[in-house]
Every structure is written in structure tokens, then in C-alpha cells.
Amino acid sequence: MGEVFTFQYTMWSIGLGCLVGVSLVIGAVLGIVWKPPSNITSALTAFGAGALLAALSVELVAPTAAAVLENAEAHAE
């Protein structure tokens, strides 16, 4: 049974890797061929910056919140 899950996860990771690889090539070709207006470029840049900031915030806040909750539970007992 463990082999089935391993094979499924392997195929899933290969599929996602191929999808990411294809999207990278499509994005590169699109970037060479199409020059978007500056307002679209700035909107995409702002979206990317917001997504990066949100991911960073989650990575920093989640462990801290978990530690605070554990500490509060330990003192409550």
C-alpha cells in the first residue's frame, strides 16, 4: 500500500514540475514577444510584491503564534 502512495505522489510531483516548467517557457516567450503597457506591468509587480509579503508574513507569524499559544496553555495549567 505504501508503494501506491509513493507512486501517486511521484506522478503528482512530476506533473506539477512539468506544469511549472511549461509555464516558465510560456512566460519567457510572452515576455519577449509582448510588451505590456506600464500600468499592467505595475499592477502585476504590485500583486507579486503583495503575494510575497503575505507569504513571508504567514511564515513569520504562524510559528510565533503557535509558540505564544503553547506558552499560554502551559501557564494556564
N, C-alpha and C. Protein backbone atom coordinates (compact mmCIF):
# COMPACT_ATOMS: atom_id res chain seq x y z
N MET A 1 0.82 -1.19 0.00
CA MET A 1 0.00 0.00 0.00
C MET A 1 0.87 1.26 0.00
N GLY A 2 1.99 1.22 0.69
CA GLY A 2 2.88 2.37 0.70
C GLY A 2 3.47 2.67 -0.66
N GLU A 3 3.66 1.63 -1.48
CA GLU A 3 4.20 1.84 -2.81
C GLU A 3 3.20 2.59 -3.70
N VAL A 4 1.92 2.34 -3.51
CA VAL A 4 0.90 3.03 -4.31
C VAL A 4 0.93 4.52 -4.01
N PHE A 5 0.98 4.87 -2.73
CA PHE A 5 1.02 6.28 -2.37
C PHE A 5 2.31 6.93 -2.86
N THR A 6 3.41 6.23 -2.75
CA THR A 6 4.67 6.78 -3.23
C THR A 6 4.61 7.02 -4.73
N PHE A 7 4.05 6.07 -5.48
CA PHE A 7 3.93 6.24 -6.93
C PHE A 7 3.00 7.40 -7.26
N GLN A 8 1.89 7.51 -6.53
CA GLN A 8 0.95 8.60 -6.78
C GLN A 8 1.60 9.96 -6.50
N TYR A 9 2.32 10.05 -5.41
CA TYR A 9 2.98 11.31 -5.07
C TYR A 9 4.08 11.63 -6.07
N THR A 10 4.77 10.60 -6.54
CA THR A 10 5.81 10.81 -7.53
C THR A 10 5.22 11.33 -8.83
N MET A 11 4.14 10.73 -9.27
CA MET A 11 3.50 11.18 -10.51
C MET A 11 2.93 12.59 -10.35
N TRP A 12 2.37 12.88 -9.18
CA TRP A 12 1.82 14.21 -8.91
C TRP A 12 2.94 15.25 -8.95
N SER A 13 4.08 14.96 -8.34
CA SER A 13 5.18 15.92 -8.34
C SER A 13 5.77 16.09 -9.74
N ILE A 14 5.84 15.01 -10.52
CA ILE A 14 6.32 15.12 -11.90
C ILE A 14 5.36 15.99 -12.72
N GLY A 15 4.07 15.77 -12.55
CA GLY A 15 3.08 16.55 -13.28
C GLY A 15 3.15 18.03 -12.93
N LEU A 16 3.27 18.34 -11.63
CA LEU A 16 3.38 19.74 -11.23
C LEU A 16 4.68 20.37 -11.72
N GLY A 17 5.76 19.58 -11.70
CA GLY A 17 7.03 20.08 -12.21
C GLY A 17 6.95 20.41 -13.69
N CYS A 18 6.28 19.55 -14.46
CA CYS A 18 6.11 19.81 -15.89
C CYS A 18 5.25 21.05 -16.12
N LEU A 19 4.19 21.20 -15.33
CA LEU A 19 3.33 22.37 -15.46
C LEU A 19 4.11 23.66 -15.18
N VAL A 20 4.92 23.64 -14.14
CA VAL A 20 5.72 24.82 -13.81
C VAL A 20 6.75 25.09 -14.91
N GLY A 21 7.36 24.03 -15.41
CA GLY A 21 8.34 24.20 -16.48
C GLY A 21 7.73 24.79 -17.74
N VAL A 22 6.56 24.32 -18.11
CA VAL A 22 5.87 24.83 -19.30
C VAL A 22 5.45 26.28 -19.09
N SER A 23 4.95 26.59 -17.90
CA SER A 23 4.53 27.97 -17.66
C SER A 23 5.72 28.93 -17.68
N LEU A 24 6.88 28.46 -17.26
CA LEU A 24 8.08 29.30 -17.32
C LEU A 24 8.45 29.62 -18.76
N VAL A 25 8.41 28.61 -19.62
CA VAL A 25 8.73 28.82 -21.03
C VAL A 25 7.70 29.74 -21.68
N ILE A 26 6.42 29.51 -21.40
CA ILE A 26 5.36 30.37 -21.96
C ILE A 26 5.54 31.81 -21.50
N GLY A 27 5.83 32.00 -20.23
CA GLY A 27 6.05 33.34 -19.71
C GLY A 27 7.25 34.02 -20.33
N ALA A 28 8.32 33.27 -20.56
CA ALA A 28 9.52 33.84 -21.19
C ALA A 28 9.23 34.26 -22.63
N VAL A 29 8.55 33.40 -23.38
CA VAL A 29 8.22 33.74 -24.77
C VAL A 29 7.27 34.93 -24.81
N LEU A 30 6.29 34.93 -23.92
CA LEU A 30 5.35 36.04 -23.88
C LEU A 30 6.06 37.34 -23.52
N GLY A 31 7.02 37.27 -22.61
CA GLY A 31 7.77 38.46 -22.24
C GLY A 31 8.63 39.01 -23.37
N ILE A 32 9.10 38.12 -24.24
CA ILE A 32 9.91 38.56 -25.38
C ILE A 32 9.02 39.15 -26.48
N VAL A 33 7.88 38.51 -26.72
CA VAL A 33 7.02 38.89 -27.84
C VAL A 33 6.14 40.09 -27.51
N TRP A 34 5.56 40.13 -26.31
CA TRP A 34 4.55 41.13 -25.96
C TRP A 34 5.12 42.10 -24.94
N LYS A 35 5.02 43.35 -25.21
CA LYS A 35 5.44 44.40 -24.27
C LYS A 35 4.19 45.04 -23.68
N PRO A 36 3.82 44.67 -22.46
CA PRO A 36 2.59 45.23 -21.87
C PRO A 36 2.76 46.70 -21.52
N PRO A 37 1.65 47.43 -21.46
CA PRO A 37 1.71 48.83 -21.02
C PRO A 37 2.21 48.93 -19.58
N SER A 38 2.69 50.08 -19.22
CA SER A 38 3.29 50.25 -17.90
C SER A 38 2.28 50.05 -16.77
N ASN A 39 0.99 50.37 -17.00
CA ASN A 39 0.02 50.18 -15.91
C ASN A 39 -0.22 48.69 -15.64
N ILE A 40 -0.16 47.86 -16.66
CA ILE A 40 -0.30 46.42 -16.44
C ILE A 40 0.95 45.87 -15.74
N THR A 41 2.12 46.32 -16.17
CA THR A 41 3.36 45.89 -15.53
C THR A 41 3.38 46.27 -14.06
N SER A 42 2.96 47.50 -13.76
CA SER A 42 2.96 47.94 -12.36
C SER A 42 1.93 47.17 -11.53
N ALA A 43 0.78 46.84 -12.12
CA ALA A 43 -0.24 46.07 -11.40
C ALA A 43 0.27 44.66 -11.10
N LEU A 44 0.91 44.03 -12.07
CA LEU A 44 1.45 42.68 -11.84
C LEU A 44 2.59 42.70 -10.83
N THR A 45 3.42 43.73 -10.88
CA THR A 45 4.51 43.86 -9.92
C THR A 45 3.96 44.06 -8.51
N ALA A 46 2.94 44.89 -8.38
CA ALA A 46 2.33 45.12 -7.06
C ALA A 46 1.67 43.84 -6.53
N PHE A 47 1.02 43.09 -7.41
CA PHE A 47 0.41 41.83 -6.99
C PHE A 47 1.48 40.85 -6.53
N GLY A 48 2.56 40.75 -7.27
CA GLY A 48 3.65 39.85 -6.88
C GLY A 48 4.28 40.25 -5.56
N ALA A 49 4.47 41.54 -5.35
CA ALA A 49 5.03 42.01 -4.08
C ALA A 49 4.09 41.73 -2.92
N GLY A 50 2.79 41.91 -3.15
CA GLY A 50 1.82 41.61 -2.09
C GLY A 50 1.77 40.13 -1.76
N ALA A 51 1.85 39.29 -2.79
CA ALA A 51 1.85 37.84 -2.56
C ALA A 51 3.10 37.42 -1.80
N LEU A 52 4.24 37.99 -2.14
CA LEU A 52 5.48 37.68 -1.43
C LEU A 52 5.43 38.15 0.01
N LEU A 53 4.89 39.33 0.24
CA LEU A 53 4.76 39.85 1.61
C LEU A 53 3.79 39.01 2.43
N ALA A 54 2.70 38.57 1.83
CA ALA A 54 1.75 37.72 2.54
C ALA A 54 2.38 36.38 2.91
N ALA A 55 3.12 35.79 1.98
CA ALA A 55 3.78 34.51 2.26
C ALA A 55 4.81 34.66 3.37
N LEU A 56 5.57 35.74 3.33
CA LEU A 56 6.56 36.00 4.37
C LEU A 56 5.89 36.21 5.72
N SER A 57 4.80 36.94 5.74
CA SER A 57 4.08 37.19 6.99
C SER A 57 3.56 35.90 7.60
N VAL A 58 3.01 35.04 6.77
CA VAL A 58 2.50 33.76 7.28
C VAL A 58 3.64 32.93 7.84
N GLU A 59 4.76 32.90 7.15
CA GLU A 59 5.90 32.11 7.61
C GLU A 59 6.46 32.64 8.93
N LEU A 60 6.41 33.95 9.13
CA LEU A 60 6.96 34.52 10.36
C LEU A 60 5.96 34.51 11.51
N VAL A 61 4.69 34.75 11.23
CA VAL A 61 3.70 34.90 12.29
C VAL A 61 3.21 33.54 12.81
N ALA A 62 3.05 32.57 11.94
CA ALA A 62 2.49 31.28 12.35
C ALA A 62 3.31 30.60 13.45
N PRO A 63 4.63 30.46 13.32
CA PRO A 63 5.38 29.83 14.41
C PRO A 63 5.34 30.65 15.70
N THR A 64 5.34 31.95 15.57
CA THR A 64 5.28 32.80 16.76
C THR A 64 3.94 32.65 17.46
N ALA A 65 2.86 32.64 16.72
CA ALA A 65 1.53 32.46 17.31
C ALA A 65 1.41 31.09 17.97
N ALA A 66 1.96 30.07 17.34
CA ALA A 66 1.91 28.73 17.93
C ALA A 66 2.70 28.69 19.23
N ALA A 67 3.85 29.34 19.27
CA ALA A 67 4.65 29.38 20.49
C ALA A 67 3.94 30.14 21.60
N VAL A 68 3.28 31.23 21.25
CA VAL A 68 2.55 32.01 22.25
C VAL A 68 1.40 31.18 22.82
N LEU A 69 0.68 30.49 21.96
CA LEU A 69 -0.44 29.65 22.42
C LEU A 69 0.05 28.52 23.31
N GLU A 70 1.16 27.88 22.94
CA GLU A 70 1.72 26.82 23.78
C GLU A 70 2.14 27.36 25.13
N ASN A 71 2.74 28.53 25.13
CA ASN A 71 3.19 29.14 26.38
C ASN A 71 1.99 29.52 27.24
N ALA A 72 0.93 30.02 26.63
CA ALA A 72 -0.27 30.38 27.38
C ALA A 72 -0.93 29.15 27.99
N GLU A 73 -0.96 28.05 27.24
CA GLU A 73 -1.55 26.81 27.76
C GLU A 73 -0.71 26.25 28.89
N ALA A 74 0.59 26.37 28.79
CA ALA A 74 1.48 25.86 29.83
C ALA A 74 1.30 26.65 31.14
N HIS A 75 1.12 27.95 31.03
CA HIS A 75 0.93 28.78 32.22
C HIS A 75 -0.48 28.64 32.80
N ALA A 76 -1.43 28.24 31.97
CA ALA A 76 -2.81 28.10 32.45
C ALA A 76 -2.97 26.86 33.34
N GLU A 77 -2.10 25.90 33.14
CA GLU A 77 -2.21 24.66 33.92
C GLU A 77 -1.62 24.75 35.26
